[in-house]
Amino acid sequence: MRESILSLSEFKADASRLLDQIRDEPVRIVLTQNGRARAVVEDYAAYQRREQALLMLRLMAQGEADARAGRLTDQGDVFAALRERLRGTSTADA
């Protein structure tokens, strides 16, 4: 993904066109204020994809930590417990 650096005043002067550009091509805009990076503007769909990828990485790291610490459950036991929970839920809802 390409990255552009703009001052906040430059962004404000041309915000509509820049937002269209972000939507149409993979670009991230770093906004500066008084010469320092202050914010990043990117397409919302790209933001969501990155957040989902980070969540998956966190889940994988937690799973690896659990396995190293011996916090494991047999797959058959997990599915049996889920089936039991679903049976209990459907009975209570009926």
Protein backbone atom coordinates (compact mmCIF):
# COMPACT_ATOMS: atom_id res chain seq x y z
CA MET A 1 0.00 0.00 0.00
CA ARG A 2 1.32 3.39 -1.01
CA GLU A 3 1.67 6.12 1.60
CA SER A 4 1.42 9.88 1.08
CA ILE A 5 2.30 12.61 3.55
CA LEU A 6 0.23 15.79 3.60
CA SER A 7 -0.22 18.67 5.98
CA LEU A 8 -3.60 18.91 7.62
CA SER A 9 -4.29 22.18 5.78
CA GLU A 10 -3.48 20.52 2.41
CA PHE A 11 -5.83 17.67 3.26
CA LYS A 12 -8.64 20.02 4.31
CA ALA A 13 -8.30 22.01 1.07
CA ASP A 14 -8.78 18.91 -1.10
CA ALA A 15 -10.47 16.41 1.27
CA SER A 16 -13.25 15.26 -1.06
CA ARG A 17 -10.87 14.37 -3.92
CA LEU A 18 -8.40 12.73 -1.55
CA LEU A 19 -11.11 10.58 0.03
CA ASP A 20 -12.19 9.46 -3.45
CA GLN A 21 -8.55 8.63 -4.23
CA ILE A 22 -8.26 6.55 -1.04
CA ARG A 23 -11.42 4.65 -1.99
CA ASP A 24 -10.22 3.95 -5.54
CA GLU A 25 -6.60 2.95 -4.93
CA PRO A 26 -4.70 1.50 -2.01
CA VAL A 27 -3.15 4.59 -0.46
CA ARG A 28 -2.74 5.70 3.11
CA ILE A 29 -2.39 9.41 3.88
CA VAL A 30 -0.31 10.52 6.85
CA LEU A 31 -1.51 13.91 8.04
CA THR A 32 0.97 16.25 9.63
CA GLN A 33 0.40 19.20 11.92
CA ASN A 34 3.23 21.59 12.68
CA GLY A 35 5.56 19.24 10.81
CA ARG A 36 4.75 16.16 12.91
CA ALA A 37 2.71 13.11 11.95
CA ARG A 38 -0.63 13.34 13.75
CA ALA A 39 -3.11 11.02 12.02
CA VAL A 40 -3.55 8.47 9.26
CA VAL A 41 -6.44 8.43 6.80
CA GLU A 42 -7.22 5.22 4.92
CA ASP A 43 -10.11 3.47 3.23
CA TYR A 44 -12.47 1.97 5.79
CA ALA A 45 -12.54 -1.46 4.10
CA ALA A 46 -8.72 -1.59 4.21
CA TYR A 47 -8.85 -0.61 7.88
CA GLN A 48 -11.33 -3.41 8.62
CA ARG A 49 -9.20 -6.00 6.79
CA ARG A 50 -6.12 -4.97 8.77
CA GLU A 51 -8.02 -5.07 12.07
CA GLN A 52 -9.32 -8.58 11.27
CA ALA A 53 -5.81 -9.74 10.39
CA LEU A 54 -4.48 -8.35 13.69
CA LEU A 55 -7.26 -10.10 15.59
CA MET A 56 -6.36 -13.40 13.93
CA LEU A 57 -2.69 -12.90 14.85
CA ARG A 58 -3.67 -12.20 18.48
CA LEU A 59 -5.82 -15.34 18.57
CA MET A 60 -2.99 -17.42 17.10
CA ALA A 61 -0.51 -16.03 19.64
CA GLN A 62 -2.94 -16.77 22.48
CA GLY A 63 -3.45 -20.31 21.18
CA GLU A 64 0.29 -20.90 20.99
CA ALA A 65 0.74 -19.55 24.53
CA ASP A 66 -2.06 -21.81 25.79
CA ALA A 67 -0.48 -24.85 24.11
CA ARG A 68 2.96 -24.06 25.57
CA ALA A 69 1.38 -23.70 29.03
CA GLY A 70 -0.44 -27.01 28.66
CA ARG A 71 -3.91 -25.44 28.58
CA LEU A 72 -5.30 -27.92 26.06
CA THR A 73 -8.65 -29.63 25.64
CA ASP A 74 -9.35 -32.65 23.48
CA GLN A 75 -11.27 -31.70 20.34
CA GLY A 76 -13.90 -34.38 20.96
CA ASP A 77 -14.56 -32.96 24.44
CA VAL A 78 -14.97 -29.45 23.04
CA PHE A 79 -17.52 -30.56 20.44
CA ALA A 80 -19.38 -32.71 22.95
CA ALA A 81 -19.67 -29.74 25.30
CA LEU A 82 -20.87 -27.52 22.47
CA ARG A 83 -23.51 -30.07 21.42
CA GLU A 84 -24.70 -30.30 25.01
CA ARG A 85 -24.86 -26.53 25.32
CA LEU A 86 -26.84 -26.27 22.07
CA ARG A 87 -29.27 -28.93 23.24
CA GLY A 88 -29.79 -27.02 26.48
CA THR A 89 -30.33 -23.76 24.61
CA SER A 90 -32.83 -25.19 22.14
CA THR A 91 -34.79 -26.87 24.98
CA ALA A 92 -34.95 -23.63 26.98
CA ASP A 93 -36.04 -21.65 23.92
CA ALA A 94 -38.87 -24.05 22.95
